[in-house]
Amino acid sequence: MVFLKAILLGFNPLILNIWDAKRCIEYLKSRREVDGDRIGMMGLSYGGTYALHCSP
């Protein structure tokens, strides 16, 4: 549903997903028990594109 709403409003859904993922990564880095230098992400097809765009 969010995907369809994004398209109807003229947004690229990939950009919205990347924004969400980057906020999640920021949250993880803020946690004491998480080593922020060792956070990884991988994916296939769309997930690969998504992972690539989420990298710093």
N, C-alpha and C. Protein backbone atom coordinates (compact mmCIF):
# COMPACT_ATOMS: atom_id res chain seq x y z
N MET A 1 0.81 -1.19 0.00
CA MET A 1 0.00 0.00 0.00
C MET A 1 0.86 1.26 0.00
N VAL A 2 1.94 1.26 0.79
CA VAL A 2 2.83 2.42 0.84
C VAL A 2 3.47 2.63 -0.53
N PHE A 3 3.83 1.52 -1.19
CA PHE A 3 4.44 1.59 -2.52
C PHE A 3 3.51 2.32 -3.49
N LEU A 4 2.25 1.94 -3.51
CA LEU A 4 1.27 2.55 -4.41
C LEU A 4 1.05 4.02 -4.07
N LYS A 5 0.94 4.33 -2.78
CA LYS A 5 0.74 5.73 -2.37
C LYS A 5 1.93 6.59 -2.78
N ALA A 6 3.14 6.03 -2.64
CA ALA A 6 4.34 6.78 -3.02
C ALA A 6 4.32 7.11 -4.50
N ILE A 7 3.96 6.13 -5.32
CA ILE A 7 3.89 6.36 -6.76
C ILE A 7 2.83 7.41 -7.09
N LEU A 8 1.68 7.30 -6.48
CA LEU A 8 0.60 8.25 -6.74
C LEU A 8 0.96 9.67 -6.32
N LEU A 9 1.80 9.80 -5.30
CA LEU A 9 2.22 11.12 -4.83
C LEU A 9 3.47 11.62 -5.56
N GLY A 10 3.99 10.81 -6.49
CA GLY A 10 5.15 11.23 -7.27
C GLY A 10 6.49 10.94 -6.63
N PHE A 11 6.51 10.09 -5.61
CA PHE A 11 7.76 9.72 -4.96
C PHE A 11 8.29 8.41 -5.54
N ASN A 12 9.60 8.26 -5.49
CA ASN A 12 10.22 7.00 -5.87
C ASN A 12 10.23 6.11 -4.63
N PRO A 13 9.55 4.96 -4.65
CA PRO A 13 9.48 4.10 -3.47
C PRO A 13 10.86 3.64 -2.97
N LEU A 14 11.82 3.47 -3.88
CA LEU A 14 13.16 3.07 -3.47
C LEU A 14 13.76 4.12 -2.54
N ILE A 15 13.56 5.38 -2.85
CA ILE A 15 14.10 6.46 -2.01
C ILE A 15 13.49 6.41 -0.61
N LEU A 16 12.20 6.14 -0.52
CA LEU A 16 11.55 6.04 0.80
C LEU A 16 12.10 4.85 1.59
N ASN A 17 12.33 3.72 0.92
CA ASN A 17 12.89 2.55 1.59
C ASN A 17 14.31 2.83 2.07
N ILE A 18 15.10 3.49 1.25
CA ILE A 18 16.47 3.82 1.63
C ILE A 18 16.47 4.76 2.83
N TRP A 19 15.59 5.74 2.83
CA TRP A 19 15.50 6.67 3.96
C TRP A 19 15.20 5.89 5.24
N ASP A 20 14.24 4.96 5.18
CA ASP A 20 13.90 4.14 6.35
C ASP A 20 15.10 3.33 6.82
N ALA A 21 15.79 2.69 5.89
CA ALA A 21 16.94 1.85 6.25
C ALA A 21 18.05 2.68 6.88
N LYS A 22 18.31 3.85 6.34
CA LYS A 22 19.36 4.70 6.91
C LYS A 22 19.00 5.15 8.33
N ARG A 23 17.72 5.41 8.59
CA ARG A 23 17.30 5.75 9.95
C ARG A 23 17.52 4.56 10.88
N CYS A 24 17.25 3.35 10.40
CA CYS A 24 17.46 2.14 11.21
C CYS A 24 18.94 1.96 11.52
N ILE A 25 19.79 2.19 10.53
CA ILE A 25 21.24 2.07 10.73
C ILE A 25 21.72 3.10 11.75
N GLU A 26 21.22 4.32 11.65
CA GLU A 26 21.58 5.35 12.63
C GLU A 26 21.18 4.92 14.04
N TYR A 27 20.00 4.34 14.16
CA TYR A 27 19.55 3.87 15.47
C TYR A 27 20.48 2.77 16.00
N LEU A 28 20.81 1.81 15.15
CA LEU A 28 21.70 0.73 15.57
C LEU A 28 23.05 1.28 16.02
N LYS A 29 23.59 2.25 15.28
CA LYS A 29 24.88 2.84 15.64
C LYS A 29 24.82 3.57 16.98
N SER A 30 23.65 4.04 17.36
CA SER A 30 23.51 4.77 18.63
C SER A 30 23.48 3.83 19.83
N ARG A 31 23.29 2.55 19.60
CA ARG A 31 23.21 1.57 20.68
C ARG A 31 24.62 1.18 21.14
N ARG A 32 24.83 1.13 22.45
CA ARG A 32 26.14 0.78 23.00
C ARG A 32 26.56 -0.64 22.64
N GLU A 33 25.60 -1.56 22.59
CA GLU A 33 25.94 -2.96 22.37
C GLU A 33 26.19 -3.30 20.90
N VAL A 34 26.07 -2.32 20.00
CA VAL A 34 26.27 -2.56 18.57
C VAL A 34 27.55 -1.87 18.12
N ASP A 35 28.41 -2.63 17.42
CA ASP A 35 29.62 -2.06 16.83
C ASP A 35 29.22 -1.46 15.48
N GLY A 36 29.14 -0.15 15.41
CA GLY A 36 28.68 0.54 14.21
C GLY A 36 29.53 0.32 12.98
N ASP A 37 30.78 -0.12 13.17
CA ASP A 37 31.66 -0.39 12.03
C ASP A 37 31.44 -1.77 11.45
N ARG A 38 30.58 -2.57 12.07
CA ARG A 38 30.39 -3.95 11.61
C ARG A 38 28.95 -4.23 11.20
N ILE A 39 28.21 -3.21 10.85
CA ILE A 39 26.84 -3.40 10.37
C ILE A 39 26.91 -3.71 8.89
N GLY A 40 26.25 -4.78 8.47
CA GLY A 40 26.27 -5.18 7.07
C GLY A 40 24.88 -5.35 6.52
N MET A 41 24.80 -5.35 5.20
CA MET A 41 23.52 -5.51 4.52
C MET A 41 23.79 -6.16 3.17
N MET A 42 22.93 -7.07 2.78
CA MET A 42 23.07 -7.70 1.46
C MET A 42 21.69 -7.97 0.89
N GLY A 43 21.63 -8.18 -0.40
CA GLY A 43 20.35 -8.48 -1.03
C GLY A 43 20.55 -8.96 -2.46
N LEU A 44 19.51 -9.53 -3.01
CA LEU A 44 19.51 -10.00 -4.39
C LEU A 44 18.48 -9.20 -5.18
N SER A 45 18.77 -8.92 -6.42
CA SER A 45 17.88 -8.19 -7.31
C SER A 45 17.56 -6.82 -6.70
N TYR A 46 16.30 -6.54 -6.44
CA TYR A 46 15.92 -5.24 -5.85
C TYR A 46 16.64 -5.04 -4.51
N GLY A 47 16.78 -6.11 -3.75
CA GLY A 47 17.47 -6.02 -2.46
C GLY A 47 18.92 -5.63 -2.60
N GLY A 48 19.57 -6.08 -3.69
CA GLY A 48 20.95 -5.70 -3.96
C GLY A 48 21.07 -4.21 -4.26
N THR A 49 20.15 -3.71 -5.06
CA THR A 49 20.12 -2.27 -5.36
C THR A 49 19.88 -1.48 -4.08
N TYR A 50 18.96 -1.96 -3.29
CA TYR A 50 18.59 -1.34 -2.02
C TYR A 50 19.81 -1.30 -1.09
N ALA A 51 20.51 -2.43 -0.96
CA ALA A 51 21.68 -2.51 -0.08
C ALA A 51 22.79 -1.58 -0.57
N LEU A 52 23.00 -1.52 -1.88
CA LEU A 52 24.04 -0.66 -2.44
C LEU A 52 23.76 0.81 -2.12
N HIS A 53 22.53 1.23 -2.26
CA HIS A 53 22.18 2.63 -2.00
C HIS A 53 22.18 2.97 -0.51
N CYS A 54 22.11 1.98 0.35
CA CYS A 54 22.12 2.23 1.80
C CYS A 54 23.53 2.33 2.36
N SER A 55 24.52 1.94 1.57
CA SER A 55 25.89 1.99 2.07
C SER A 55 26.37 3.44 2.12
N PRO A 56 27.30 3.73 3.04
CA PRO A 56 27.78 5.12 3.17
C PRO A 56 28.57 5.58 1.96
